[in-house]
Amino acid sequence: QIQGWINEFAEKHDIDAIVRLGMADYPFLPRA
């Protein structure tokens, strides 16, 4: 989804469409 957004913006502007994503959920520890 996020890469699709960047690609769409890159088509209109001459930019590099590379995306680097770091992900995590909260709560991070299911037991605490």
All heavy atoms as atom14 arrays in JSON, in Angstrom:
{
  "sequence": "QIQGWINEFAEKHDIDAIVRLGMADYPFLPRA",
  "atom14_mask": [
    [1, 1, 1, 1, 1, 1, 1, 1, 1, 0, 0, 0, 0, 0],
    [1, 1, 1, 1, 1, 1, 1, 1, 0, 0, 0, 0, 0, 0],
    [1, 1, 1, 1, 1, 1, 1, 1, 1, 0, 0, 0, 0, 0],
    [1, 1, 1, 1, 0, 0, 0, 0, 0, 0, 0, 0, 0, 0],
    [1, 1, 1, 1, 1, 1, 1, 1, 1, 1, 1, 1, 1, 1],
    [1, 1, 1, 1, 1, 1, 1, 1, 0, 0, 0, 0, 0, 0],
    [1, 1, 1, 1, 1, 1, 1, 1, 0, 0, 0, 0, 0, 0],
    [1, 1, 1, 1, 1, 1, 1, 1, 1, 0, 0, 0, 0, 0],
    [1, 1, 1, 1, 1, 1, 1, 1, 1, 1, 1, 0, 0, 0],
    [1, 1, 1, 1, 1, 0, 0, 0, 0, 0, 0, 0, 0, 0],
    [1, 1, 1, 1, 1, 1, 1, 1, 1, 0, 0, 0, 0, 0],
    [1, 1, 1, 1, 1, 1, 1, 1, 1, 0, 0, 0, 0, 0],
    [1, 1, 1, 1, 1, 1, 1, 1, 1, 1, 0, 0, 0, 0],
    [1, 1, 1, 1, 1, 1, 1, 1, 0, 0, 0, 0, 0, 0],
    [1, 1, 1, 1, 1, 1, 1, 1, 0, 0, 0, 0, 0, 0],
    [1, 1, 1, 1, 1, 1, 1, 1, 0, 0, 0, 0, 0, 0],
    [1, 1, 1, 1, 1, 0, 0, 0, 0, 0, 0, 0, 0, 0],
    [1, 1, 1, 1, 1, 1, 1, 1, 0, 0, 0, 0, 0, 0],
    [1, 1, 1, 1, 1, 1, 1, 0, 0, 0, 0, 0, 0, 0],
    [1, 1, 1, 1, 1, 1, 1, 1, 1, 1, 1, 0, 0, 0],
    [1, 1, 1, 1, 1, 1, 1, 1, 0, 0, 0, 0, 0, 0],
    [1, 1, 1, 1, 0, 0, 0, 0, 0, 0, 0, 0, 0, 0],
    [1, 1, 1, 1, 1, 1, 1, 1, 0, 0, 0, 0, 0, 0],
    [1, 1, 1, 1, 1, 0, 0, 0, 0, 0, 0, 0, 0, 0],
    [1, 1, 1, 1, 1, 1, 1, 1, 0, 0, 0, 0, 0, 0],
    [1, 1, 1, 1, 1, 1, 1, 1, 1, 1, 1, 1, 0, 0],
    [1, 1, 1, 1, 1, 1, 1, 0, 0, 0, 0, 0, 0, 0],
    [1, 1, 1, 1, 1, 1, 1, 1, 1, 1, 1, 0, 0, 0],
    [1, 1, 1, 1, 1, 1, 1, 1, 0, 0, 0, 0, 0, 0],
    [1, 1, 1, 1, 1, 1, 1, 0, 0, 0, 0, 0, 0, 0],
    [1, 1, 1, 1, 1, 1, 1, 1, 1, 1, 1, 0, 0, 0],
    [1, 1, 1, 1, 1, 0, 0, 0, 0, 0, 0, 0, 0, 0]
  ],
  "atom14_positions": [
    [[0.84, -1.21, 0.0], [0.0, 0.0, 0.0], [0.87, 1.25, 0.0], [0.66, 2.17, -0.81], [-0.91, 0.0, 1.23], [-1.83, 1.21, 1.3], [-2.61, 1.28, 2.59], [-2.01, 1.22, 3.66], [-3.92, 1.39, 2.49], [0.0, 0.0, 0.0], [0.0, 0.0, 0.0], [0.0, 0.0, 0.0], [0.0, 0.0, 0.0], [0.0, 0.0, 0.0]],
    [[1.88, 1.31, 0.89], [2.73, 2.5, 0.99], [3.59, 2.65, -0.26], [3.78, 3.76, -0.79], [3.59, 2.42, 2.26], [2.69, 2.47, 3.5], [4.61, 3.54, 2.3], [3.43, 2.27, 4.81], [0.0, 0.0, 0.0], [0.0, 0.0, 0.0], [0.0, 0.0, 0.0], [0.0, 0.0, 0.0], [0.0, 0.0, 0.0], [0.0, 0.0, 0.0]],
    [[4.09, 1.54, -0.77], [4.9, 1.6, -2.0], [4.06, 2.11, -3.16], [4.54, 2.87, -4.02], [5.45, 0.21, -2.33], [6.34, 0.18, -3.57], [7.66, 0.94, -3.37], [8.49, 0.54, -2.58], [7.83, 2.06, -4.07], [0.0, 0.0, 0.0], [0.0, 0.0, 0.0], [0.0, 0.0, 0.0], [0.0, 0.0, 0.0], [0.0, 0.0, 0.0]],
    [[2.77, 1.71, -3.16], [1.87, 2.2, -4.22], [1.7, 3.69, -4.15], [1.64, 4.38, -5.18], [0.0, 0.0, 0.0], [0.0, 0.0, 0.0], [0.0, 0.0, 0.0], [0.0, 0.0, 0.0], [0.0, 0.0, 0.0], [0.0, 0.0, 0.0], [0.0, 0.0, 0.0], [0.0, 0.0, 0.0], [0.0, 0.0, 0.0], [0.0, 0.0, 0.0]],
    [[1.61, 4.24, -2.92], [1.49, 5.7, -2.78], [2.74, 6.39, -3.35], [2.64, 7.37, -4.1], [1.33, 6.09, -1.31], [0.06, 5.58, -0.68], [-1.04, 5.11, -1.32], [-0.21, 5.49, 0.72], [-1.99, 4.74, -0.42], [-1.52, 4.97, 0.85], [0.51, 5.81, 1.87], [-2.11, 4.75, 2.09], [-0.08, 5.61, 3.1], [-1.38, 5.09, 3.22]],
    [[3.92, 5.88, -2.97], [5.17, 6.52, -3.41], [5.32, 6.41, -4.93], [5.77, 7.35, -5.6], [6.38, 5.89, -2.7], [6.21, 6.01, -1.17], [7.67, 6.56, -3.12], [6.01, 7.44, -0.7], [0.0, 0.0, 0.0], [0.0, 0.0, 0.0], [0.0, 0.0, 0.0], [0.0, 0.0, 0.0], [0.0, 0.0, 0.0], [0.0, 0.0, 0.0]],
    [[4.96, 5.25, -5.49], [5.04, 5.08, -6.95], [4.13, 6.08, -7.66], [4.48, 6.63, -8.7], [4.64, 3.66, -7.33], [5.69, 2.64, -6.9], [6.85, 3.0, -6.66], [5.3, 1.38, -6.79], [0.0, 0.0, 0.0], [0.0, 0.0, 0.0], [0.0, 0.0, 0.0], [0.0, 0.0, 0.0], [0.0, 0.0, 0.0], [0.0, 0.0, 0.0]],
    [[2.93, 6.25, -7.1], [1.98, 7.21, -7.71], [2.56, 8.62, -7.69], [2.43, 9.36, -8.67], [0.65, 7.15, -6.96], [-0.41, 8.05, -7.55], [-1.73, 7.96, -6.8], [-1.9, 7.02, -5.98], [-2.6, 8.84, -7.02], [0.0, 0.0, 0.0], [0.0, 0.0, 0.0], [0.0, 0.0, 0.0], [0.0, 0.0, 0.0], [0.0, 0.0, 0.0]],
    [[3.2, 9.0, -6.59], [3.79, 10.34, -6.5], [5.01, 10.46, -7.42], [5.26, 11.52, -8.02], [4.18, 10.63, -5.05], [4.7, 12.02, -4.83], [3.84, 13.11, -4.83], [6.07, 12.24, -4.66], [4.34, 14.38, -4.63], [6.56, 13.52, -4.46], [5.69, 14.59, -4.45], [0.0, 0.0, 0.0], [0.0, 0.0, 0.0], [0.0, 0.0, 0.0]],
    [[5.75, 9.35, -7.53], [6.96, 9.37, -8.37], [6.62, 9.54, -9.84], [7.42, 10.08, -10.62], [7.77, 8.09, -8.15], [0.0, 0.0, 0.0], [0.0, 0.0, 0.0], [0.0, 0.0, 0.0], [0.0, 0.0, 0.0], [0.0, 0.0, 0.0], [0.0, 0.0, 0.0], [0.0, 0.0, 0.0], [0.0, 0.0, 0.0], [0.0, 0.0, 0.0]],
    [[5.45, 9.05, -10.27], [5.05, 9.19, -11.67], [4.84, 10.65, -12.04], [5.01, 11.04, -13.2], [3.77, 8.39, -11.92], [3.96, 6.89, -11.85], [2.65, 6.13, -12.03], [1.6, 6.81, -12.17], [2.67, 4.88, -12.03], [0.0, 0.0, 0.0], [0.0, 0.0, 0.0], [0.0, 0.0, 0.0], [0.0, 0.0, 0.0], [0.0, 0.0, 0.0]],
    [[4.44, 11.45, -11.07], [4.18, 12.86, -11.35], [5.42, 13.73, -11.13], [5.46, 14.88, -11.59], [3.04, 13.37, -10.44], [1.74, 12.61, -10.64], [0.67, 13.1, -9.66], [-0.62, 12.32, -9.82], [-1.67, 12.75, -8.86], [0.0, 0.0, 0.0], [0.0, 0.0, 0.0], [0.0, 0.0, 0.0], [0.0, 0.0, 0.0], [0.0, 0.0, 0.0]],
    [[6.39, 13.2, -10.39], [7.61, 13.96, -10.09], [8.82, 13.05, -10.34], [8.77, 11.86, -10.1], [7.62, 14.45, -8.63], [6.43, 15.27, -8.26], [5.21, 14.71, -7.93], [6.27, 16.63, -8.19], [4.35, 15.68, -7.64], [4.97, 16.86, -7.81], [0.0, 0.0, 0.0], [0.0, 0.0, 0.0], [0.0, 0.0, 0.0], [0.0, 0.0, 0.0]],
    [[9.86, 13.63, -10.8], [11.07, 12.86, -11.11], [11.85, 12.61, -9.83], [12.78, 13.35, -9.48], [11.92, 13.64, -12.14], [13.12, 12.81, -12.59], [13.09, 11.57, -12.37], [14.06, 13.39, -13.14], [0.0, 0.0, 0.0], [0.0, 0.0, 0.0], [0.0, 0.0, 0.0], [0.0, 0.0, 0.0], [0.0, 0.0, 0.0], [0.0, 0.0, 0.0]],
    [[11.46, 11.52, -9.12], [12.11, 11.2, -7.85], [12.39, 9.71, -7.8], [11.86, 8.92, -8.58], [11.24, 11.59, -6.63], [9.94, 10.77, -6.65], [10.96, 13.09, -6.6], [9.13, 10.92, -5.38], [0.0, 0.0, 0.0], [0.0, 0.0, 0.0], [0.0, 0.0, 0.0], [0.0, 0.0, 0.0], [0.0, 0.0, 0.0], [0.0, 0.0, 0.0]],
    [[13.23, 9.34, -6.83], [13.54, 7.94, -6.57], [12.42, 7.35, -5.71], [12.11, 7.87, -4.63], [14.88, 7.83, -5.84], [15.33, 6.39, -5.67], [14.58, 5.49, -6.11], [16.41, 6.19, -5.08], [0.0, 0.0, 0.0], [0.0, 0.0, 0.0], [0.0, 0.0, 0.0], [0.0, 0.0, 0.0], [0.0, 0.0, 0.0], [0.0, 0.0, 0.0]],
    [[11.77, 6.24, -6.14], [10.6, 5.67, -5.45], [10.98, 4.61, -4.43], [10.14, 3.81, -4.01], [9.63, 5.08, -6.47], [0.0, 0.0, 0.0], [0.0, 0.0, 0.0], [0.0, 0.0, 0.0], [0.0, 0.0, 0.0], [0.0, 0.0, 0.0], [0.0, 0.0, 0.0], [0.0, 0.0, 0.0], [0.0, 0.0, 0.0], [0.0, 0.0, 0.0]],
    [[12.25, 4.58, -4.02], [12.67, 3.57, -3.03], [12.06, 3.91, -1.66], [12.06, 5.08, -1.24], [14.21, 3.51, -2.95], [14.78, 2.91, -4.24], [14.66, 2.69, -1.74], [16.29, 2.87, -4.26], [0.0, 0.0, 0.0], [0.0, 0.0, 0.0], [0.0, 0.0, 0.0], [0.0, 0.0, 0.0], [0.0, 0.0, 0.0], [0.0, 0.0, 0.0]],
    [[11.56, 2.87, -0.98], [10.95, 3.02, 0.35], [11.58, 2.0, 1.28], [11.76, 0.84, 0.91], [9.42, 2.8, 0.29], [8.83, 2.91, 1.69], [8.76, 3.8, -0.64], [0.0, 0.0, 0.0], [0.0, 0.0, 0.0], [0.0, 0.0, 0.0], [0.0, 0.0, 0.0], [0.0, 0.0, 0.0], [0.0, 0.0, 0.0], [0.0, 0.0, 0.0]],
    [[11.9, 2.44, 2.5], [12.42, 1.52, 3.51], [11.5, 1.61, 4.73], [11.34, 2.68, 5.3], [13.85, 1.89, 3.91], [14.81, 1.88, 2.71], [15.9, 2.89, 2.9], [16.82, 2.94, 1.77], [17.77, 3.85, 1.63], [17.93, 4.79, 2.55], [18.56, 3.83, 0.58], [0.0, 0.0, 0.0], [0.0, 0.0, 0.0], [0.0, 0.0, 0.0]],
    [[10.93, 0.47, 5.09], [9.92, 0.45, 6.15], [10.37, -0.42, 7.32], [10.85, -1.53, 7.12], [8.58, -0.09, 5.63], [7.94, 0.62, 4.44], [6.62, -0.04, 4.11], [7.75, 2.09, 4.74], [0.0, 0.0, 0.0], [0.0, 0.0, 0.0], [0.0, 0.0, 0.0], [0.0, 0.0, 0.0], [0.0, 0.0, 0.0], [0.0, 0.0, 0.0]],
    [[10.2, 0.11, 8.54], [10.35, -0.66, 9.76], [9.01, -0.75, 10.46], [8.35, 0.27, 10.66], [0.0, 0.0, 0.0], [0.0, 0.0, 0.0], [0.0, 0.0, 0.0], [0.0, 0.0, 0.0], [0.0, 0.0, 0.0], [0.0, 0.0, 0.0], [0.0, 0.0, 0.0], [0.0, 0.0, 0.0], [0.0, 0.0, 0.0], [0.0, 0.0, 0.0]],
    [[8.59, -1.96, 10.84], [7.25, -2.15, 11.39], [7.3, -2.88, 12.72], [8.16, -3.75, 12.94], [6.37, -2.95, 10.42], [6.19, -2.34, 9.06], [5.06, -3.32, 8.07], [5.83, -3.21, 6.47], [0.0, 0.0, 0.0], [0.0, 0.0, 0.0], [0.0, 0.0, 0.0], [0.0, 0.0, 0.0], [0.0, 0.0, 0.0], [0.0, 0.0, 0.0]],
    [[6.3, -2.55, 13.58], [6.11, -3.26, 14.86], [4.68, -2.98, 15.32], [4.05, -2.02, 14.88], [7.11, -2.79, 15.92], [0.0, 0.0, 0.0], [0.0, 0.0, 0.0], [0.0, 0.0, 0.0], [0.0, 0.0, 0.0], [0.0, 0.0, 0.0], [0.0, 0.0, 0.0], [0.0, 0.0, 0.0], [0.0, 0.0, 0.0], [0.0, 0.0, 0.0]],
    [[4.19, -3.85, 16.19], [2.83, -3.71, 16.72], [2.89, -3.31, 18.19], [3.85, -3.58, 18.91], [2.04, -5.02, 16.6], [1.75, -5.36, 15.15], [1.77, -4.43, 14.32], [1.51, -6.55, 14.87], [0.0, 0.0, 0.0], [0.0, 0.0, 0.0], [0.0, 0.0, 0.0], [0.0, 0.0, 0.0], [0.0, 0.0, 0.0], [0.0, 0.0, 0.0]],
    [[1.83, -2.66, 18.63], [1.65, -2.41, 20.07], [0.34, -3.05, 20.49], [-0.67, -2.85, 19.83], [1.62, -0.91, 20.38], [1.52, -0.67, 21.87], [2.68, -0.63, 22.64], [0.3, -0.54, 22.49], [2.61, -0.44, 24.01], [0.21, -0.37, 23.86], [1.36, -0.32, 24.63], [1.28, -0.15, 25.98], [0.0, 0.0, 0.0], [0.0, 0.0, 0.0]],
    [[0.33, -3.82, 21.59], [1.45, -4.09, 22.49], [2.5, -4.97, 21.84], [2.17, -5.93, 21.14], [0.8, -4.77, 23.69], [-0.41, -5.41, 23.14], [-0.91, -4.52, 22.05], [0.0, 0.0, 0.0], [0.0, 0.0, 0.0], [0.0, 0.0, 0.0], [0.0, 0.0, 0.0], [0.0, 0.0, 0.0], [0.0, 0.0, 0.0], [0.0, 0.0, 0.0]],
    [[3.74, -4.66, 22.12], [4.83, -5.38, 21.47], [5.01, -6.77, 22.09], [5.3, -7.73, 21.38], [6.12, -4.56, 21.58], [7.26, -5.12, 20.77], [7.2, -5.09, 19.38], [8.35, -5.7, 21.39], [8.25, -5.62, 18.63], [9.39, -6.23, 20.64], [9.35, -6.19, 19.26], [0.0, 0.0, 0.0], [0.0, 0.0, 0.0], [0.0, 0.0, 0.0]],
    [[4.85, -6.86, 23.4], [4.96, -8.15, 24.1], [3.55, -8.65, 24.44], [2.85, -8.04, 25.24], [5.78, -8.01, 25.39], [7.24, -7.58, 25.19], [7.92, -7.44, 26.53], [7.99, -8.59, 24.31], [0.0, 0.0, 0.0], [0.0, 0.0, 0.0], [0.0, 0.0, 0.0], [0.0, 0.0, 0.0], [0.0, 0.0, 0.0], [0.0, 0.0, 0.0]],
    [[3.09, -9.75, 23.85], [1.71, -10.22, 24.08], [1.42, -10.53, 25.54], [0.29, -10.4, 25.98], [1.62, -11.48, 23.21], [2.66, -11.3, 22.16], [3.78, -10.56, 22.83], [0.0, 0.0, 0.0], [0.0, 0.0, 0.0], [0.0, 0.0, 0.0], [0.0, 0.0, 0.0], [0.0, 0.0, 0.0], [0.0, 0.0, 0.0], [0.0, 0.0, 0.0]],
    [[2.43, -10.94, 26.3], [2.18, -11.33, 27.69], [2.44, -10.2, 28.68], [2.18, -10.34, 29.86], [3.07, -12.52, 28.06], [2.71, -13.8, 27.33], [3.56, -14.96, 27.82], [3.41, -15.18, 29.24], [4.16, -16.03, 29.95], [5.1, -16.73, 29.36], [3.96, -16.18, 31.24], [0.0, 0.0, 0.0], [0.0, 0.0, 0.0], [0.0, 0.0, 0.0]],
    [[2.99, -9.1, 28.22], [3.3, -7.98, 29.12], [3.01, -6.69, 28.37], [3.89, -6.08, 27.77], [4.75, -8.04, 29.56], [0.0, 0.0, 0.0], [0.0, 0.0, 0.0], [0.0, 0.0, 0.0], [0.0, 0.0, 0.0], [0.0, 0.0, 0.0], [0.0, 0.0, 0.0], [0.0, 0.0, 0.0], [0.0, 0.0, 0.0], [0.0, 0.0, 0.0]]
  ]
}
